[in-house]
């Protein structure tokens, strides 16, 4: 599900970049930003999108199993897990002003499109109900820590929190026979 959510965001952002610049030479790629040797893993003249953290959203956490009816059987499913993804979009360009231009386009795209739901966006997988995008403002120390964690030298970049990605194992915990008859017995005293 994580891959589907990020692939959707990448595709939407690439479409926006194409309409704004009228060129498909620059694109967003899902990738780690730095390889094992400390070199940038994204090509020059490219935007890289990577996950830098995944956290459980405990505010909306369900604690009880979910019940479903499928093919004549009652299924018991574990509650889904709701996740927040922290994604970093970085611009690797030779010309610094080009990097800033594309980071500005990323900012304007997510400012104008801060919520995606499957009823409005046909390309969003139906299993993903909604994605809410929030800009994360980091101070100098936090930015330094993020790039040290990634293992590379800082590029023009922006970090977003993608809220409410839901995961649920479709393996049944239990199968219960359906209720087909209800009987009551009344007794008088």
C-alpha atoms as a PDB file:
ATOM      1  CA  UNK A   1       0.000   0.000   0.000  1.00  0.00           C
ATOM      2  CA  UNK A   2       2.893   2.370   0.714  1.00  0.00           C
ATOM      3  CA  UNK A   3       4.184   1.887  -2.800  1.00  0.00           C
ATOM      4  CA  UNK A   4       0.752   2.605  -4.273  1.00  0.00           C
ATOM      5  CA  UNK A   5       0.357   5.835  -2.298  1.00  0.00           C
ATOM      6  CA  UNK A   6       3.811   7.130  -3.222  1.00  0.00           C
ATOM      7  CA  UNK A   7       3.544   6.066  -6.845  1.00  0.00           C
ATOM      8  CA  UNK A   8       0.226   7.950  -7.068  1.00  0.00           C
ATOM      9  CA  UNK A   9       1.760  11.120  -5.571  1.00  0.00           C
ATOM     10  CA  UNK A  10       4.783  10.846  -7.878  1.00  0.00           C
ATOM     11  CA  UNK A  11       2.578  10.467 -10.963  1.00  0.00           C
ATOM     12  CA  UNK A  12       0.341  13.390  -9.986  1.00  0.00           C
ATOM     13  CA  UNK A  13       3.376  15.579  -9.337  1.00  0.00           C
ATOM     14  CA  UNK A  14       4.962  14.580 -12.671  1.00  0.00           C
ATOM     15  CA  UNK A  15       1.737  15.480 -14.490  1.00  0.00           C
ATOM     16  CA  UNK A  16       1.717  18.866 -12.772  1.00  0.00           C
ATOM     17  CA  UNK A  17       5.374  19.511 -13.684  1.00  0.00           C
ATOM     18  CA  UNK A  18       4.636  18.624 -17.303  1.00  0.00           C
ATOM     19  CA  UNK A  19       1.713  21.069 -17.485  1.00  0.00           C
ATOM     20  CA  UNK A  20       3.660  23.861 -15.774  1.00  0.00           C
ATOM     21  CA  UNK A  21       6.921  23.541 -17.711  1.00  0.00           C
ATOM     22  CA  UNK A  22       5.685  22.043 -21.011  1.00  0.00           C
ATOM     23  CA  UNK A  23       8.637  19.643 -20.945  1.00  0.00           C
ATOM     24  CA  UNK A  24       9.061  16.081 -19.763  1.00  0.00           C
ATOM     25  CA  UNK A  25      12.839  16.252 -19.358  1.00  0.00           C
ATOM     26  CA  UNK A  26      12.558  16.729 -15.589  1.00  0.00           C
ATOM     27  CA  UNK A  27      10.679  14.168 -13.557  1.00  0.00           C
ATOM     28  CA  UNK A  28      10.161  12.993 -10.003  1.00  0.00           C
ATOM     29  CA  UNK A  29      11.531   9.524  -9.242  1.00  0.00           C
ATOM     30  CA  UNK A  30      10.901   7.317  -6.243  1.00  0.00           C
ATOM     31  CA  UNK A  31      14.351   6.483  -5.024  1.00  0.00           C
ATOM     32  CA  UNK A  32      16.716   6.571  -2.140  1.00  0.00           C
ATOM     33  CA  UNK A  33      18.626   9.839  -2.366  1.00  0.00           C
ATOM     34  CA  UNK A  34      22.115   8.589  -1.527  1.00  0.00           C
ATOM     35  CA  UNK A  35      23.713   5.246  -2.374  1.00  0.00           C
ATOM     36  CA  UNK A  36      26.033   3.151  -0.185  1.00  0.00           C
ATOM     37  CA  UNK A  37      29.105   5.130  -1.261  1.00  0.00           C
ATOM     38  CA  UNK A  38      27.622   8.487  -0.260  1.00  0.00           C
ATOM     39  CA  UNK A  39      26.910   9.617  -3.824  1.00  0.00           C
ATOM     40  CA  UNK A  40      23.530  10.854  -4.949  1.00  0.00           C
ATOM     41  CA  UNK A  41      21.389   7.959  -6.138  1.00  0.00           C
ATOM     42  CA  UNK A  42      19.141  10.281  -8.161  1.00  0.00           C
ATOM     43  CA  UNK A  43      20.342  11.513 -11.529  1.00  0.00           C
ATOM     44  CA  UNK A  44      21.187  15.141 -12.155  1.00  0.00           C
ATOM     45  CA  UNK A  45      18.320  17.283 -13.462  1.00  0.00           C
ATOM     46  CA  UNK A  46      15.901  15.091 -11.478  1.00  0.00           C
ATOM     47  CA  UNK A  47      13.714  15.338  -8.406  1.00  0.00           C
ATOM     48  CA  UNK A  48      13.952  12.454  -5.959  1.00  0.00           C
ATOM     49  CA  UNK A  49      11.127  11.428  -3.629  1.00  0.00           C
ATOM     50  CA  UNK A  50      11.970   9.184  -0.697  1.00  0.00           C
ATOM     51  CA  UNK A  51      10.434   8.069   2.595  1.00  0.00           C
ATOM     52  CA  UNK A  52      12.447   9.269   5.580  1.00  0.00           C
ATOM     53  CA  UNK A  53      10.113   8.069   8.330  1.00  0.00           C
ATOM     54  CA  UNK A  54       6.974   6.025   8.933  1.00  0.00           C
ATOM     55  CA  UNK A  55       4.912   6.515  12.082  1.00  0.00           C
ATOM     56  CA  UNK A  56       1.713   4.997  13.379  1.00  0.00           C
ATOM     57  CA  UNK A  57      -1.150   7.461  13.754  1.00  0.00           C
ATOM     58  CA  UNK A  58      -2.484   6.441  17.161  1.00  0.00           C
ATOM     59  CA  UNK A  59      -5.177   9.119  17.207  1.00  0.00           C
ATOM     60  CA  UNK A  60      -7.415   7.135  14.868  1.00  0.00           C
ATOM     61  CA  UNK A  61      -6.235   3.669  15.914  1.00  0.00           C
ATOM     62  CA  UNK A  62      -8.916   0.976  16.044  1.00  0.00           C
ATOM     63  CA  UNK A  63      -8.544  -1.603  18.786  1.00  0.00           C
ATOM     64  CA  UNK A  64     -11.324  -4.030  17.920  1.00  0.00           C
ATOM     65  CA  UNK A  65     -11.345  -6.560  15.106  1.00  0.00           C
ATOM     66  CA  UNK A  66     -13.324  -5.842  11.968  1.00  0.00           C
ATOM     67  CA  UNK A  67     -16.076  -8.160  10.798  1.00  0.00           C
ATOM     68  CA  UNK A  68     -16.848  -8.753   7.127  1.00  0.00           C
ATOM     69  CA  UNK A  69     -19.225 -10.983   5.189  1.00  0.00           C
ATOM     70  CA  UNK A  70     -17.651 -12.616   2.132  1.00  0.00           C
ATOM     71  CA  UNK A  71     -18.832 -15.606   0.078  1.00  0.00           C
ATOM     72  CA  UNK A  72     -21.357 -16.659   2.705  1.00  0.00           C
ATOM     73  CA  UNK A  73     -18.901 -16.538   5.585  1.00  0.00           C
ATOM     74  CA  UNK A  74     -18.348 -14.077   8.407  1.00  0.00           C
ATOM     75  CA  UNK A  75     -14.687 -13.126   8.552  1.00  0.00           C
ATOM     76  CA  UNK A  76     -12.855 -11.607  11.478  1.00  0.00           C
ATOM     77  CA  UNK A  77     -10.008  -9.283  10.439  1.00  0.00           C
ATOM     78  CA  UNK A  78      -7.453  -7.568  12.621  1.00  0.00           C
ATOM     79  CA  UNK A  79      -7.936  -3.796  12.822  1.00  0.00           C
ATOM     80  CA  UNK A  80      -6.115  -1.800  10.180  1.00  0.00           C
ATOM     81  CA  UNK A  81      -3.041   0.242  10.970  1.00  0.00           C
ATOM     82  CA  UNK A  82      -3.058   3.923  10.048  1.00  0.00           C
ATOM     83  CA  UNK A  83       0.288   5.379   9.082  1.00  0.00           C
ATOM     84  CA  UNK A  84       1.842   8.763   8.498  1.00  0.00           C
ATOM     85  CA  UNK A  85       4.664   8.858   5.967  1.00  0.00           C
ATOM     86  CA  UNK A  86       7.318  11.545   5.994  1.00  0.00           C
ATOM     87  CA  UNK A  87       8.572  12.081   2.470  1.00  0.00           C
ATOM     88  CA  UNK A  88      11.426  14.238   1.303  1.00  0.00           C
ATOM     89  CA  UNK A  89      11.514  15.679  -2.201  1.00  0.00           C
ATOM     90  CA  UNK A  90      14.994  16.855  -3.235  1.00  0.00           C
ATOM     91  CA  UNK A  91      16.153  18.590  -6.411  1.00  0.00           C
ATOM     92  CA  UNK A  92      19.500  17.486  -7.883  1.00  0.00           C
ATOM     93  CA  UNK A  93      20.377  20.102 -10.524  1.00  0.00           C
ATOM     94  CA  UNK A  94      23.658  21.575 -11.772  1.00  0.00           C
ATOM     95  CA  UNK A  95      22.119  25.031 -11.801  1.00  0.00           C
ATOM     96  CA  UNK A  96      21.003  26.069  -8.310  1.00  0.00           C
ATOM     97  CA  UNK A  97      18.256  28.349  -9.639  1.00  0.00           C
ATOM     98  CA  UNK A  98      16.748  25.388 -11.541  1.00  0.00           C
ATOM     99  CA  UNK A  99      16.671  23.365  -8.327  1.00  0.00           C
ATOM    100  CA  UNK A 100      14.854  26.206  -6.583  1.00  0.00           C
ATOM    101  CA  UNK A 101      12.420  26.524  -9.497  1.00  0.00           C
ATOM    102  CA  UNK A 102      11.427  22.862  -9.252  1.00  0.00           C
ATOM    103  CA  UNK A 103      11.193  22.875  -5.455  1.00  0.00           C
ATOM    104  CA  UNK A 104       8.884  25.908  -5.843  1.00  0.00           C
ATOM    105  CA  UNK A 105       6.728  23.903  -8.248  1.00  0.00           C
ATOM    106  CA  UNK A 106       6.557  21.041  -5.735  1.00  0.00           C
ATOM    107  CA  UNK A 107       5.495  23.504  -3.034  1.00  0.00           C
ATOM    108  CA  UNK A 108       2.787  25.074  -5.212  1.00  0.00           C
ATOM    109  CA  UNK A 109       1.483  21.669  -6.291  1.00  0.00           C
ATOM    110  CA  UNK A 110       1.012  20.383  -2.753  1.00  0.00           C
ATOM    111  CA  UNK A 111      -0.306  23.762  -1.594  1.00  0.00           C
ATOM    112  CA  UNK A 112      -3.041  23.515  -4.233  1.00  0.00           C
ATOM    113  CA  UNK A 113      -3.561  19.754  -3.780  1.00  0.00           C
ATOM    114  CA  UNK A 114      -3.326  19.029  -0.070  1.00  0.00           C
ATOM    115  CA  UNK A 115      -5.947  16.273  -0.013  1.00  0.00           C
ATOM    116  CA  UNK A 116      -6.461  13.345  -2.366  1.00  0.00           C
ATOM    117  CA  UNK A 117      -9.386  10.928  -2.073  1.00  0.00           C
ATOM    118  CA  UNK A 118     -10.338   7.957  -4.191  1.00  0.00           C
ATOM    119  CA  UNK A 119     -13.741   9.395  -5.121  1.00  0.00           C
ATOM    120  CA  UNK A 120     -12.124  12.448  -6.772  1.00  0.00           C
ATOM    121  CA  UNK A 121      -8.906  10.919  -8.149  1.00  0.00           C
ATOM    122  CA  UNK A 122      -9.555   7.853 -10.296  1.00  0.00           C
ATOM    123  CA  UNK A 123      -5.859   6.871 -10.293  1.00  0.00           C
ATOM    124  CA  UNK A 124      -5.775   6.577  -6.498  1.00  0.00           C
ATOM    125  CA  UNK A 125      -6.179   2.942  -5.526  1.00  0.00           C
ATOM    126  CA  UNK A 126      -9.660   2.299  -4.090  1.00  0.00           C
ATOM    127  CA  UNK A 127      -8.128   0.696  -1.009  1.00  0.00           C
ATOM    128  CA  UNK A 128      -6.666   4.111  -0.119  1.00  0.00           C
ATOM    129  CA  UNK A 129      -9.525   6.218   1.141  1.00  0.00           C
ATOM    130  CA  UNK A 130      -7.689   9.513   1.542  1.00  0.00           C
ATOM    131  CA  UNK A 131      -4.214  11.065   1.584  1.00  0.00           C
ATOM    132  CA  UNK A 132      -3.687  14.376   3.358  1.00  0.00           C
ATOM    133  CA  UNK A 133      -0.450  16.234   2.657  1.00  0.00           C
ATOM    134  CA  UNK A 134       1.077  18.607   5.234  1.00  0.00           C
ATOM    135  CA  UNK A 135       4.239  20.679   4.792  1.00  0.00           C
ATOM    136  CA  UNK A 136       6.761  20.102   7.579  1.00  0.00           C
ATOM    137  CA  UNK A 137       8.802  23.110   8.654  1.00  0.00           C
ATOM    138  CA  UNK A 138      12.134  22.104  10.145  1.00  0.00           C
ATOM    139  CA  UNK A 139      14.679  24.307  11.882  1.00  0.00           C
ATOM    140  CA  UNK A 140      18.368  24.381  10.860  1.00  0.00           C
ATOM    141  CA  UNK A 141      19.380  21.693  13.329  1.00  0.00           C
ATOM    142  CA  UNK A 142      16.610  19.327  12.205  1.00  0.00           C
ATOM    143  CA  UNK A 143      17.466  19.838   8.522  1.00  0.00           C
ATOM    144  CA  UNK A 144      21.107  19.074   9.322  1.00  0.00           C
ATOM    145  CA  UNK A 145      20.091  15.911  11.190  1.00  0.00           C
ATOM    146  CA  UNK A 146      17.883  14.721   8.318  1.00  0.00           C
ATOM    147  CA  UNK A 147      20.663  15.095   5.752  1.00  0.00           C
ATOM    148  CA  UNK A 148      23.194  13.495   8.106  1.00  0.00           C
ATOM    149  CA  UNK A 149      20.752  10.597   8.564  1.00  0.00           C
ATOM    150  CA  UNK A 150      20.356  10.283   4.782  1.00  0.00           C
ATOM    151  CA  UNK A 151      24.132  10.353   4.403  1.00  0.00           C
ATOM    152  CA  UNK A 152      24.508  13.072   1.806  1.00  0.00           C
ATOM    153  CA  UNK A 153      25.210  16.736   1.338  1.00  0.00           C
ATOM    154  CA  UNK A 154      22.153  18.927   1.445  1.00  0.00           C
ATOM    155  CA  UNK A 155      20.182  19.602  -1.726  1.00  0.00           C
ATOM    156  CA  UNK A 156      17.278  22.032  -2.060  1.00  0.00           C
ATOM    157  CA  UNK A 157      14.450  19.983  -0.591  1.00  0.00           C
ATOM    158  CA  UNK A 158      11.110  19.967   1.154  1.00  0.00           C
ATOM    159  CA  UNK A 159       9.547  17.510   3.606  1.00  0.00           C
ATOM    160  CA  UNK A 160       5.877  16.537   3.717  1.00  0.00           C
ATOM    161  CA  UNK A 161       3.804  14.432   6.054  1.00  0.00           C
ATOM    162  CA  UNK A 162       1.397  12.145   4.185  1.00  0.00           C
ATOM    163  CA  UNK A 163      -1.376  11.261   6.602  1.00  0.00           C
ATOM    164  CA  UNK A 164      -3.647   8.262   6.914  1.00  0.00           C
ATOM    165  CA  UNK A 165      -2.194   5.570   4.752  1.00  0.00           C
ATOM    166  CA  UNK A 166      -4.019   2.454   5.953  1.00  0.00           C
ATOM    167  CA  UNK A 167      -2.699  -1.087   5.913  1.00  0.00           C
ATOM    168  CA  UNK A 168      -4.656  -4.209   6.763  1.00  0.00           C
ATOM    169  CA  UNK A 169      -3.690  -7.829   6.458  1.00  0.00           C
ATOM    170  CA  UNK A 170      -6.400  -9.568   4.475  1.00  0.00           C
ATOM    171  CA  UNK A 171      -5.632 -12.912   6.089  1.00  0.00           C
ATOM    172  CA  UNK A 172      -8.538 -13.927   8.258  1.00  0.00           C
ATOM    173  CA  UNK A 173      -8.024 -14.387  11.962  1.00  0.00           C
ATOM    174  CA  UNK A 174     -11.161 -16.495  12.162  1.00  0.00           C
ATOM    175  CA  UNK A 175     -14.014 -17.679   9.968  1.00  0.00           C
ATOM    176  CA  UNK A 176     -17.366 -17.891  11.623  1.00  0.00           C
ATOM    177  CA  UNK A 177     -20.446 -19.547  10.177  1.00  0.00           C
ATOM    178  CA  UNK A 178     -23.162 -17.070   9.301  1.00  0.00           C
ATOM    179  CA  UNK A 179     -26.134 -16.602  11.595  1.00  0.00           C
ATOM    180  CA  UNK A 180     -29.019 -18.153   9.713  1.00  0.00           C
ATOM    181  CA  UNK A 181     -31.585 -18.521  12.442  1.00  0.00           C
ATOM    182  CA  UNK A 182     -32.488 -16.785  15.666  1.00  0.00           C
ATOM    183  CA  UNK A 183     -34.526 -18.569  18.308  1.00  0.00           C
ATOM    184  CA  UNK A 184     -35.977 -17.206  21.489  1.00  0.00           C
ATOM    185  CA  UNK A 185     -37.746 -18.958  24.278  1.00  0.00           C
ATOM    186  CA  UNK A 186     -40.066 -17.042  26.556  1.00  0.00           C
ATOM    187  CA  UNK A 187     -40.793 -18.412  29.985  1.00  0.00           C
ATOM    188  CA  UNK A 188     -43.247 -17.089  32.516  1.00  0.00           C
ATOM    189  CA  UNK A 189     -42.690 -17.181  36.214  1.00  0.00           C
END
